[in-house]
Structures are given as structure tokens and as C-alpha cells.
C-alpha atoms as a PDB file:
ATOM      1  CA  MET A   1     131.530 228.518 105.839  1.00  0.00           C
ATOM      2  CA  THR A   2     129.600 231.229 106.794  1.00  0.00           C
ATOM      3  CA  VAL A   3     131.437 234.316 107.138  1.00  0.00           C
ATOM      4  CA  LEU A   4     131.467 236.356 110.462  1.00  0.00           C
ATOM      5  CA  LEU A   5     132.928 239.667 110.968  1.00  0.00           C
ATOM      6  CA  MET A   6     132.593 239.166 114.646  1.00  0.00           C
ATOM      7  CA  GLY A   7     131.668 236.077 116.493  1.00  0.00           C
ATOM      8  CA  LYS A   8     128.803 236.577 119.064  1.00  0.00           C
ATOM      9  CA  ILE A   9     129.596 234.378 121.850  1.00  0.00           C
ATOM     10  CA  SER A  10     126.805 232.455 124.036  1.00  0.00           C
ATOM     11  CA  ALA A  11     127.749 231.275 127.626  1.00  0.00           C
ATOM     12  CA  THR A  12     125.950 228.111 128.602  1.00  0.00           C
ATOM     13  CA  VAL A  13     125.798 226.839 132.144  1.00  0.00           C
ATOM     14  CA  VAL A  14     123.605 223.982 133.384  1.00  0.00           C
ATOM     15  CA  THR A  15     122.974 224.214 137.100  1.00  0.00           C
ATOM     16  CA  LEU A  16     121.583 222.433 140.090  1.00  0.00           C
ATOM     17  CA  ASN A  17     122.209 223.678 143.552  1.00  0.00           C
ATOM     18  CA  GLU A  18     125.431 225.476 142.644  1.00  0.00           C
ATOM     19  CA  GLU A  19     125.301 228.666 145.152  1.00  0.00           C
ATOM     20  CA  ASP A  20     128.425 228.319 146.312  1.00  0.00           C
ATOM     21  CA  GLN A  21     129.861 227.889 142.675  1.00  0.00           C
ATOM     22  CA  ILE A  22     127.837 229.831 140.555  1.00  0.00           C
ATOM     23  CA  ARG A  23     128.735 233.548 141.248  1.00  0.00           C
ATOM     24  CA  ASN A  24     132.408 232.964 140.476  1.00  0.00           C
ATOM     25  CA  CYS A  25     131.562 230.929 137.382  1.00  0.00           C
ATOM     26  CA  LEU A  26     129.414 233.592 135.771  1.00  0.00           C
ATOM     27  CA  LYS A  27     131.816 236.172 136.711  1.00  0.00           C
ATOM     28  CA  SER A  28     134.727 234.641 134.636  1.00  0.00           C
ATOM     29  CA  VAL A  29     132.335 234.550 131.465  1.00  0.00           C
ATOM     30  CA  SER A  30     130.663 238.245 132.097  1.00  0.00           C
ATOM     31  CA  TRP A  31     132.546 239.178 129.151  1.00  0.00           C
ATOM     32  CA  CYS A  32     130.613 237.003 126.809  1.00  0.00           C
ATOM     33  CA  ASP A  33     127.596 238.770 124.686  1.00  0.00           C
ATOM     34  CA  GLU A  34     124.935 236.541 126.612  1.00  0.00           C
ATOM     35  CA  ILE A  35     124.600 233.983 129.426  1.00  0.00           C
ATOM     36  CA  ILE A  36     122.123 231.237 129.324  1.00  0.00           C
ATOM     37  CA  ILE A  37     121.519 229.249 132.548  1.00  0.00           C
ATOM     38  CA  VAL A  38     119.581 225.942 132.563  1.00  0.00           C
ATOM     39  CA  ASP A  39     118.532 225.116 135.945  1.00  0.00           C
ATOM     40  CA  SER A  40     117.330 221.791 137.051  1.00  0.00           C
ATOM     41  CA  HIS A  41     115.104 223.069 139.876  1.00  0.00           C
ATOM     42  CA  SER A  42     117.865 224.133 142.515  1.00  0.00           C
ATOM     43  CA  GLU A  43     116.590 224.341 146.067  1.00  0.00           C
ATOM     44  CA  ASP A  44     119.296 226.866 147.134  1.00  0.00           C
ATOM     45  CA  ALA A  45     119.925 230.663 145.893  1.00  0.00           C
ATOM     46  CA  THR A  46     121.474 229.383 142.521  1.00  0.00           C
ATOM     47  CA  VAL A  47     118.952 231.085 140.391  1.00  0.00           C
ATOM     48  CA  GLU A  48     118.856 234.243 142.301  1.00  0.00           C
ATOM     49  CA  ILE A  49     122.455 234.553 142.048  1.00  0.00           C
ATOM     50  CA  ALA A  50     122.233 233.962 138.089  1.00  0.00           C
ATOM     51  CA  LYS A  51     119.855 236.521 137.890  1.00  0.00           C
ATOM     52  CA  GLU A  52     122.467 238.930 138.877  1.00  0.00           C
ATOM     53  CA  PHE A  53     124.284 238.279 135.515  1.00  0.00           C
ATOM     54  CA  THR A  54     121.348 237.538 133.121  1.00  0.00           C
ATOM     55  CA  ASP A  55     117.672 237.270 132.530  1.00  0.00           C
ATOM     56  CA  LYS A  56     117.880 234.082 130.313  1.00  0.00           C
ATOM     57  CA  ILE A  57     117.250 231.429 132.786  1.00  0.00           C
ATOM     58  CA  TYR A  58     115.353 228.279 131.942  1.00  0.00           C
ATOM     59  CA  THR A  59     114.200 225.104 133.696  1.00  0.00           C
ATOM     60  CA  TYR A  60     114.965 221.605 132.828  1.00  0.00           C
ATOM     61  CA  GLU A  61     113.924 218.542 134.744  1.00  0.00           C
ATOM     62  CA  ARG A  62     116.178 216.457 136.947  1.00  0.00           C
ATOM     63  CA  THR A  63     118.219 213.763 135.058  1.00  0.00           C
ATOM     64  CA  GLY A  64     120.979 213.319 137.313  1.00  0.00           C
ATOM     65  CA  TYR A  65     123.713 214.629 134.574  1.00  0.00           C
ATOM     66  CA  VAL A  66     124.160 217.460 132.759  1.00  0.00           C
ATOM     67  CA  GLU A  67     123.761 216.525 129.054  1.00  0.00           C
ATOM     68  CA  PRO A  68     120.068 216.581 128.011  1.00  0.00           C
ATOM     69  CA  ALA A  69     120.133 220.051 130.034  1.00  0.00           C
ATOM     70  CA  ARG A  70     123.011 221.134 127.605  1.00  0.00           C
ATOM     71  CA  GLN A  71     120.899 220.379 124.682  1.00  0.00           C
ATOM     72  CA  LYS A  72     118.219 222.820 126.188  1.00  0.00           C
ATOM     73  CA  ALA A  73     120.899 225.585 126.645  1.00  0.00           C
ATOM     74  CA  LEU A  74     122.082 225.007 123.257  1.00  0.00           C
ATOM     75  CA  SER A  75     118.601 225.565 121.629  1.00  0.00           C
ATOM     76  CA  GLU A  76     118.324 228.927 123.836  1.00  0.00           C
ATOM     77  CA  ALA A  77     121.458 230.381 122.807  1.00  0.00           C
ATOM     78  CA  SER A  78     121.543 232.966 120.030  1.00  0.00           C
ATOM     79  CA  GLY A  79     125.395 233.386 119.446  1.00  0.00           C
ATOM     80  CA  ASP A  80     127.660 232.276 116.552  1.00  0.00           C
ATOM     81  CA  TRP A  81     129.552 230.633 119.176  1.00  0.00           C
ATOM     82  CA  ILE A  82     128.600 228.520 122.313  1.00  0.00           C
ATOM     83  CA  LEU A  83     131.220 228.861 125.374  1.00  0.00           C
ATOM     84  CA  MET A  84     130.066 225.566 127.168  1.00  0.00           C
ATOM     85  CA  LEU A  85     131.073 225.766 131.016  1.00  0.00           C
ATOM     86  CA  ASP A  86     130.137 224.048 133.994  1.00  0.00           C
ATOM     87  CA  ALA A  87     129.474 225.706 137.600  1.00  0.00           C
ATOM     88  CA  ASP A  88     132.462 224.641 139.062  1.00  0.00           C
ATOM     89  CA  GLU A  89     134.704 225.703 135.948  1.00  0.00           C
ATOM     90  CA  ARG A  90     136.063 229.293 135.261  1.00  0.00           C
ATOM     91  CA  VAL A  91     137.588 230.924 132.316  1.00  0.00           C
ATOM     92  CA  PRO A  92     140.525 233.096 133.397  1.00  0.00           C
ATOM     93  CA  LYS A  93     141.454 236.394 131.854  1.00  0.00           C
ATOM     94  CA  SER A  94     144.496 234.892 130.093  1.00  0.00           C
ATOM     95  CA  LEU A  95     142.155 232.303 128.077  1.00  0.00           C
ATOM     96  CA  SER A  96     139.131 234.524 127.525  1.00  0.00           C
ATOM     97  CA  SER A  97     141.169 236.710 125.413  1.00  0.00           C
ATOM     98  CA  GLN A  98     142.152 234.200 123.585  1.00  0.00           C
ATOM     99  CA  LEU A  99     138.542 232.851 123.052  1.00  0.00           C
ATOM    100  CA  ARG A 100     137.598 236.345 122.034  1.00  0.00           C
ATOM    101  CA  GLU A 101     140.429 236.406 119.255  1.00  0.00           C
ATOM    102  CA  LEU A 102     139.458 232.918 118.210  1.00  0.00           C
ATOM    103  CA  SER A 103     135.811 233.931 117.740  1.00  0.00           C
ATOM    104  CA  LYS A 104     136.742 235.987 114.810  1.00  0.00           C
ATOM    105  CA  ASP A 105     138.622 232.993 113.135  1.00  0.00           C
ATOM    106  CA  ASN A 106     136.645 231.812 110.371  1.00  0.00           C
ATOM    107  CA  GLN A 107     139.042 228.764 109.718  1.00  0.00           C
ATOM    108  CA  VAL A 108     138.138 227.209 113.430  1.00  0.00           C
ATOM    109  CA  ASP A 109     134.802 225.574 114.477  1.00  0.00           C
ATOM    110  CA  VAL A 110     135.821 224.085 117.580  1.00  0.00           C
ATOM    111  CA  VAL A 111     138.254 225.064 120.189  1.00  0.00           C
ATOM    112  CA  PHE A 112     139.833 222.743 122.879  1.00  0.00           C
ATOM    113  CA  ALA A 113     141.512 223.882 125.792  1.00  0.00           C
ATOM    114  CA  PRO A 114     143.273 222.234 128.717  1.00  0.00           C
ATOM    115  CA  ARG A 115     141.415 221.877 132.062  1.00  0.00           C
ATOM    116  CA  MET A 116     143.370 222.492 135.229  1.00  0.00           C
ATOM    117  CA  ASN A 117     141.494 219.824 137.669  1.00  0.00           C
ATOM    118  CA  TYR A 118     141.563 220.560 141.321  1.00  0.00           C
ATOM    119  CA  MET A 119     140.749 217.507 143.639  1.00  0.00           C
ATOM    120  CA  PHE A 120     141.140 217.718 147.255  1.00  0.00           C
ATOM    121  CA  GLY A 121     142.420 221.085 147.278  1.00  0.00           C
ATOM    122  CA  GLU A 122     145.416 220.256 144.853  1.00  0.00           C
ATOM    123  CA  TRP A 123     145.972 220.780 141.020  1.00  0.00           C
ATOM    124  CA  ILE A 124     146.375 217.114 139.776  1.00  0.00           C
ATOM    125  CA  ASN A 125     148.712 217.386 136.778  1.00  0.00           C
ATOM    126  CA  TYR A 126     149.237 213.494 136.764  1.00  0.00           C
ATOM    127  CA  ALA A 127     147.332 210.381 136.390  1.00  0.00           C
ATOM    128  CA  GLY A 128     145.627 211.337 133.078  1.00  0.00           C
ATOM    129  CA  TRP A 129     143.990 214.500 134.439  1.00  0.00           C
ATOM    130  CA  TRP A 130     146.376 216.968 132.830  1.00  0.00           C
ATOM    131  CA  PRO A 131     146.052 218.743 130.193  1.00  0.00           C
ATOM    132  CA  ASP A 132     142.666 216.894 130.063  1.00  0.00           C
ATOM    133  CA  TYR A 133     141.572 218.689 126.687  1.00  0.00           C
ATOM    134  CA  ARG A 134     137.959 219.335 126.262  1.00  0.00           C
ATOM    135  CA  ALA A 135     135.949 221.474 123.816  1.00  0.00           C
ATOM    136  CA  ILE A 136     135.135 224.819 125.570  1.00  0.00           C
ATOM    137  CA  LEU A 137     133.971 226.946 122.336  1.00  0.00           C
ATOM    138  CA  TYR A 138     132.387 225.898 119.157  1.00  0.00           C
ATOM    139  CA  LYS A 139     129.836 226.951 116.518  1.00  0.00           C
ATOM    140  CA  PRO A 140     126.410 225.374 117.165  1.00  0.00           C
ATOM    141  CA  SER A 141     126.496 224.066 113.314  1.00  0.00           C
ATOM    142  CA  VAL A 142     129.129 221.617 114.201  1.00  0.00           C
ATOM    143  CA  VAL A 143     127.703 220.190 117.309  1.00  0.00           C
ATOM    144  CA  GLU A 144     125.466 217.339 118.069  1.00  0.00           C
ATOM    145  CA  ILE A 145     124.699 216.955 122.079  1.00  0.00           C
ATOM    146  CA  THR A 146     123.630 213.469 122.802  1.00  0.00           C
ATOM    147  CA  THR A 147     122.408 212.024 126.161  1.00  0.00           C
ATOM    148  CA  GLN A 148     125.244 209.877 126.803  1.00  0.00           C
ATOM    149  CA  ILE A 149     126.892 210.531 130.012  1.00  0.00           C
ATOM    150  CA  HIS A 150     130.224 212.085 129.775  1.00  0.00           C
ATOM    151  CA  ASN A 151     130.513 211.602 126.219  1.00  0.00           C
ATOM    152  CA  GLY A 152     127.401 213.810 124.973  1.00  0.00           C
ATOM    153  CA  VAL A 153     129.589 216.387 122.700  1.00  0.00           C
ATOM    154  CA  ASN A 154     130.196 215.212 119.206  1.00  0.00           C
ATOM    155  CA  PHE A 155     131.165 217.191 116.235  1.00  0.00           C
ATOM    156  CA  THR A 156     130.904 216.866 112.652  1.00  0.00           C
ATOM    157  CA  GLU A 157     133.872 215.009 110.795  1.00  0.00           C
ATOM    158  CA  ASP A 158     134.433 218.335 108.634  1.00  0.00           C
ATOM    159  CA  ALA A 159     134.677 220.784 111.770  1.00  0.00           C
ATOM    160  CA  GLU A 160     137.967 222.583 111.943  1.00  0.00           C
ATOM    161  CA  LYS A 161     139.255 222.014 115.425  1.00  0.00           C
ATOM    162  CA  ARG A 162     141.823 224.006 117.283  1.00  0.00           C
ATOM    163  CA  TYR A 163     143.754 222.828 120.345  1.00  0.00           C
ATOM    164  CA  LEU A 164     145.257 225.721 122.414  1.00  0.00           C
ATOM    165  CA  GLY A 165     148.800 225.000 124.000  1.00  0.00           C
ATOM    166  CA  SER A 166     149.100 222.918 127.322  1.00  0.00           C
ATOM    167  CA  GLU A 167     149.942 225.750 129.384  1.00  0.00           C
ATOM    168  CA  LYS A 168     148.294 227.395 132.588  1.00  0.00           C
ATOM    169  CA  GLU A 169     147.662 230.605 130.473  1.00  0.00           C
ATOM    170  CA  SER A 170     145.267 228.421 128.073  1.00  0.00           C
ATOM    171  CA  ALA A 171     143.463 226.402 130.417  1.00  0.00           C
ATOM    172  CA  VAL A 172     139.951 226.395 132.088  1.00  0.00           C
ATOM    173  CA  ILE A 173     139.713 226.210 136.015  1.00  0.00           C
ATOM    174  CA  HIS A 174     137.782 223.074 137.123  1.00  0.00           C
ATOM    175  CA  TYR A 175     137.305 222.567 140.988  1.00  0.00           C
ATOM    176  CA  ASN A 176     136.331 218.901 140.479  1.00  0.00           C
ATOM    177  CA  TYR A 177     135.860 216.685 143.574  1.00  0.00           C
ATOM    178  CA  LYS A 178     136.187 218.533 147.003  1.00  0.00           C
ATOM    179  CA  ASP A 179     137.236 215.582 149.109  1.00  0.00           C
ATOM    180  CA  ILE A 180     136.730 211.790 149.035  1.00  0.00           C
ATOM    181  CA  TYR A 181     133.145 211.882 150.281  1.00  0.00           C
ATOM    182  CA  ASP A 182     132.338 213.809 147.153  1.00  0.00           C
ATOM    183  CA  PHE A 183     134.453 211.614 144.929  1.00  0.00           C
ATOM    184  CA  ILE A 184     132.418 208.481 146.141  1.00  0.00           C
ATOM    185  CA  SER A 185     129.129 210.067 146.191  1.00  0.00           C
ATOM    186  CA  ARG A 186     129.245 211.145 142.821  1.00  0.00           C
ATOM    187  CA  MET A 187     130.939 208.148 141.614  1.00  0.00           C
ATOM    188  CA  ASN A 188     128.033 206.238 142.763  1.00  0.00           C
ATOM    189  CA  LYS A 189     125.472 208.397 140.965  1.00  0.00           C
ATOM    190  CA  TYR A 190     127.421 208.708 137.690  1.00  0.00           C
ATOM    191  CA  THR A 191     128.222 204.574 137.506  1.00  0.00           C
ATOM    192  CA  ASP A 192     124.291 203.767 137.882  1.00  0.00           C
ATOM    193  CA  ILE A 193     123.582 206.226 135.128  1.00  0.00           C
ATOM    194  CA  GLU A 194     126.487 204.457 132.791  1.00  0.00           C
ATOM    195  CA  ALA A 195     125.332 201.119 133.582  1.00  0.00           C
ATOM    196  CA  GLN A 196     121.830 201.819 132.332  1.00  0.00           C
ATOM    197  CA  GLN A 197     123.233 202.937 129.177  1.00  0.00           C
ATOM    198  CA  SER A 198     125.619 200.297 128.345  1.00  0.00           C
ATOM    199  CA  ASP A 199     125.614 196.381 127.977  1.00  0.00           C
ATOM    200  CA  PHE A 200     127.274 193.836 130.501  1.00  0.00           C
ATOM    201  CA  SER A 201     130.392 192.370 129.190  1.00  0.00           C
ATOM    202  CA  TYR A 202     132.581 189.961 131.278  1.00  0.00           C
ATOM    203  CA  LEU A 203     135.570 191.043 129.530  1.00  0.00           C
ATOM    204  CA  LYS A 204     134.712 194.774 130.235  1.00  0.00           C
ATOM    205  CA  LEU A 205     134.315 193.468 133.990  1.00  0.00           C
ATOM    206  CA  ILE A 206     137.710 192.121 134.020  1.00  0.00           C
ATOM    207  CA  THR A 207     139.746 194.318 131.919  1.00  0.00           C
ATOM    208  CA  SER A 208     138.629 197.865 132.256  1.00  0.00           C
ATOM    209  CA  PRO A 209     139.418 198.035 135.572  1.00  0.00           C
ATOM    210  CA  THR A 210     142.905 196.941 135.324  1.00  0.00           C
ATOM    211  CA  LYS A 211     143.436 199.076 132.234  1.00  0.00           C
ATOM    212  CA  GLU A 212     142.322 201.937 133.986  1.00  0.00           C
ATOM    213  CA  PHE A 213     144.649 201.482 137.006  1.00  0.00           C
ATOM    214  CA  ILE A 214     147.680 200.758 134.809  1.00  0.00           C
ATOM    215  CA  ASN A 215     146.778 203.724 132.389  1.00  0.00           C
ATOM    216  CA  ARG A 216     146.407 206.283 135.292  1.00  0.00           C
ATOM    217  CA  TYR A 217     148.802 205.007 137.858  1.00  0.00           C
ATOM    218  CA  LEU A 218     151.771 203.849 135.565  1.00  0.00           C
ATOM    219  CA  LEU A 219     151.492 205.149 132.088  1.00  0.00           C
ATOM    220  CA  ASN A 220     150.235 208.496 133.391  1.00  0.00           C
ATOM    221  CA  LYS A 221     152.633 208.597 136.324  1.00  0.00           C
ATOM    222  CA  GLY A 222     150.189 208.743 138.990  1.00  0.00           C
ATOM    223  CA  TYR A 223     152.588 207.565 141.312  1.00  0.00           C
ATOM    224  CA  LYS A 224     153.938 210.834 141.543  1.00  0.00           C
ATOM    225  CA  GLY A 225     151.199 212.262 143.306  1.00  0.00           C
ATOM    226  CA  GLY A 226     151.792 210.216 146.295  1.00  0.00           C
ATOM    227  CA  ILE A 227     148.863 209.024 148.406  1.00  0.00           C
ATOM    228  CA  ILE A 228     146.714 210.980 146.284  1.00  0.00           C
ATOM    229  CA  GLY A 229     147.745 209.916 143.065  1.00  0.00           C
ATOM    230  CA  LEU A 230     147.745 206.371 144.309  1.00  0.00           C
ATOM    231  CA  SER A 231     143.583 206.922 145.529  1.00  0.00           C
ATOM    232  CA  LEU A 232     142.754 208.337 142.479  1.00  0.00           C
ATOM    233  CA  SER A 233     143.996 205.878 140.377  1.00  0.00           C
ATOM    234  CA  ILE A 234     142.318 203.047 142.559  1.00  0.00           C
ATOM    235  CA  PHE A 235     139.062 205.065 142.758  1.00  0.00           C
ATOM    236  CA  MET A 236     139.001 205.459 138.894  1.00  0.00           C
ATOM    237  CA  SER A 237     139.656 201.725 138.443  1.00  0.00           C
ATOM    238  CA  TRP A 238     136.713 200.964 140.922  1.00  0.00           C
ATOM    239  CA  TYR A 239     134.628 203.538 139.166  1.00  0.00           C
ATOM    240  CA  ARG A 240     135.070 201.025 136.015  1.00  0.00           C
ATOM    241  CA  PHE A 241     134.426 197.986 138.011  1.00  0.00           C
ATOM    242  CA  LEU A 242     131.272 199.381 139.525  1.00  0.00           C
ATOM    243  CA  SER A 243     129.880 200.767 136.070  1.00  0.00           C
ATOM    244  CA  ALA A 244     130.367 197.071 134.641  1.00  0.00           C
ATOM    245  CA  ILE A 245     129.008 195.151 137.589  1.00  0.00           C
ATOM    246  CA  LYS A 246     125.835 197.844 137.658  1.00  0.00           C
ATOM    247  CA  SER A 247     125.031 196.943 134.270  1.00  0.00           C
ATOM    248  CA  TRP A 248     125.048 192.963 135.144  1.00  0.00           C
ATOM    249  CA  GLN A 249     122.673 194.154 137.959  1.00  0.00           C
ATOM    250  CA  TYR A 250     120.311 195.987 135.632  1.00  0.00           C
ATOM    251  CA  GLU A 251     120.194 193.242 133.009  1.00  0.00           C
ATOM    252  CA  HIS A 252     120.000 189.903 135.308  1.00  0.00           C
ATOM    253  CA  LEU A 253     118.434 191.356 138.819  1.00  0.00           C
ATOM    254  CA  GLY A 254     116.572 194.537 137.787  1.00  0.00           C
ATOM    255  CA  ASN A 255     116.530 197.851 139.552  1.00  0.00           C
ATOM    256  CA  GLU A 256     115.982 198.474 143.124  1.00  0.00           C
ATOM    257  CA  ASP A 257     112.050 198.554 142.850  1.00  0.00           C
ATOM    258  CA  GLN A 258     112.179 195.321 140.908  1.00  0.00           C
ATOM    259  CA  ILE A 259     114.639 193.732 143.748  1.00  0.00           C
ATOM    260  CA  ILE A 260     112.496 194.825 146.384  1.00  0.00           C
ATOM    261  CA  SER A 261     109.412 193.270 144.902  1.00  0.00           C
ATOM    262  CA  LYS A 262     111.209 190.054 145.016  1.00  0.00           C
ATOM    263  CA  TYR A 263     111.808 190.159 148.680  1.00  0.00           C
ATOM    264  CA  ASP A 264     108.180 191.100 149.003  1.00  0.00           C
ATOM    265  CA  LYS A 265     107.095 188.120 146.984  1.00  0.00           C
ATOM    266  CA  ILE A 266     109.196 185.982 149.577  1.00  0.00           C
ATOM    267  CA  ASP A 267     107.564 187.566 152.531  1.00  0.00           C
ATOM    268  CA  ARG A 268     104.314 186.800 151.062  1.00  0.00           C
ATOM    269  CA  ASP A 269     105.019 183.123 150.513  1.00  0.00           C
ATOM    270  CA  MET A 270     105.912 182.866 153.958  1.00  0.00           C
ATOM    271  CA  ASP A 271     102.678 184.518 155.007  1.00  0.00           C
ATOM    272  CA  LEU A 272     104.339 187.485 156.494  1.00  0.00           C
ATOM    273  CA  LYS A 273     102.466 190.002 154.688  1.00  0.00           C
END
């Protein structure tokens, strides 16, 4: 393992139209040695705001999800450590001090921190959203970022992992879904991508939504959240159903353009075109 006297930290953030979030996000990592921005052709003031914090701003094509752009961010970073953040996340001072200390630790390769997920204006500490550990700091030598949505960061088997305690002082702040419209809109987009990356299974179509609801509402006590806990558990169950049924659509019916072409053929057969 490489000996580090002091680990240089590169913060990486992938952006797309994040003018409402990006300033406070970057303020929370301004203590890092460098900040890398990979922007997917934002049409608002995201890039101009980011220039207040860094000149290392790169452009990447829009793919609908962040994993491919994260590969670009990793390739541009020069640090001994990568602090991977999304624009809707924040690193509080209590957490940043822990990460600075851990960057000097030669016995650790990956640091996992809990996330405080805020949805509909509330901290969701039930239904499987707490402590919601994810890798926040890691050495580039132990990571592989794939193009698999929501599962794109993998680490080598010999990587030494450290999990911070499940206290607020160790948590990343994550402003997740603003409201129901935001949740449903992103759910529709993400399930499209997941469906195209997976194979259809009748068993998955039937069991995955049921397991998701039982896990979130009963086993992870979503019922403690009242109507919000019930709604989020139902939404995530529906998410699993949509992902599975859309994979069936892509395998058996094709995409939207292919379906429209079938309608066009019907019109032509009726001499309507």
C-alpha cells in the first residue's frame, strides 16, 4: 500500500441544471485540495456559479444518470483521495473534520458515511433510508466506476473499508426528493434506464415489488412515518414494478419509436398515409 504523508483530497461533483443547489454543495467541500466539476451541458447558471469555486470544469454528454460522468470526473482528479458528492448533497463541518483525519490513515482505502435523506422537507429516518451508508471518500486505486445506474461504484476485494458511526455528526446531508411530482418524475426516468440495463423476469415482476414494500414498510418500520412512510414504501414498490414491466416492454414491444412505427404501418395498411 502506498505510504501517504498527507492525503490530497479531490472533490468531484457531476452537474446538470443545479443552480439552486451547487453553491451550497461546493461551499461544503471548499476545504478540499481541488474541486472537479463534470457538467452535462447545463442550461442555467450552474457552470457560472461553479467557477466561483474552481476552474477545473469539464463537459460530458447527457446520459440521464450520473455514473458515466463520474468516470470522467475520476479521470480528471489528481488527488490521493476522491470525495464523491452529488449537487444535492452537503458535507457538514463535523463530517469534514473526520474525513480530513482519515485521509492521513494509511490503513483505510474507502470511507462509508451515513446519509440523512430529506424528502418532502423532512428527514426520513425510517423505511430503509437511514443510515443509508454510501462511499464518500476513497482512493482511486481501489475503485471501479461502471455505467450501471444506482450501482456504479465498486471496490476491489482487498480494499480496507471504514464505516463511520450512525450519528448525525458523521452524516452526509442529502436533499433527495423535493415533492411527490419530483419523486414520480425521476422514478419514470430512472426506471427507463434500469429497464434497458436488465433482463425481464416474471418472477422479478411479481416478487420484487412485494419484497420492496414489506422491507420498507414493515421490516424497516416505514409505518412510523405515517402517511409519508406509507407513500414512500408504495412508491418504491411501484418503482420495482415499473422497472420490471418496462424491461418486458423493451424486450417484446421495443422502444417508443419502434411502437410508433407499428402504428404508422397500421395507418398505411388502412390507406391513411
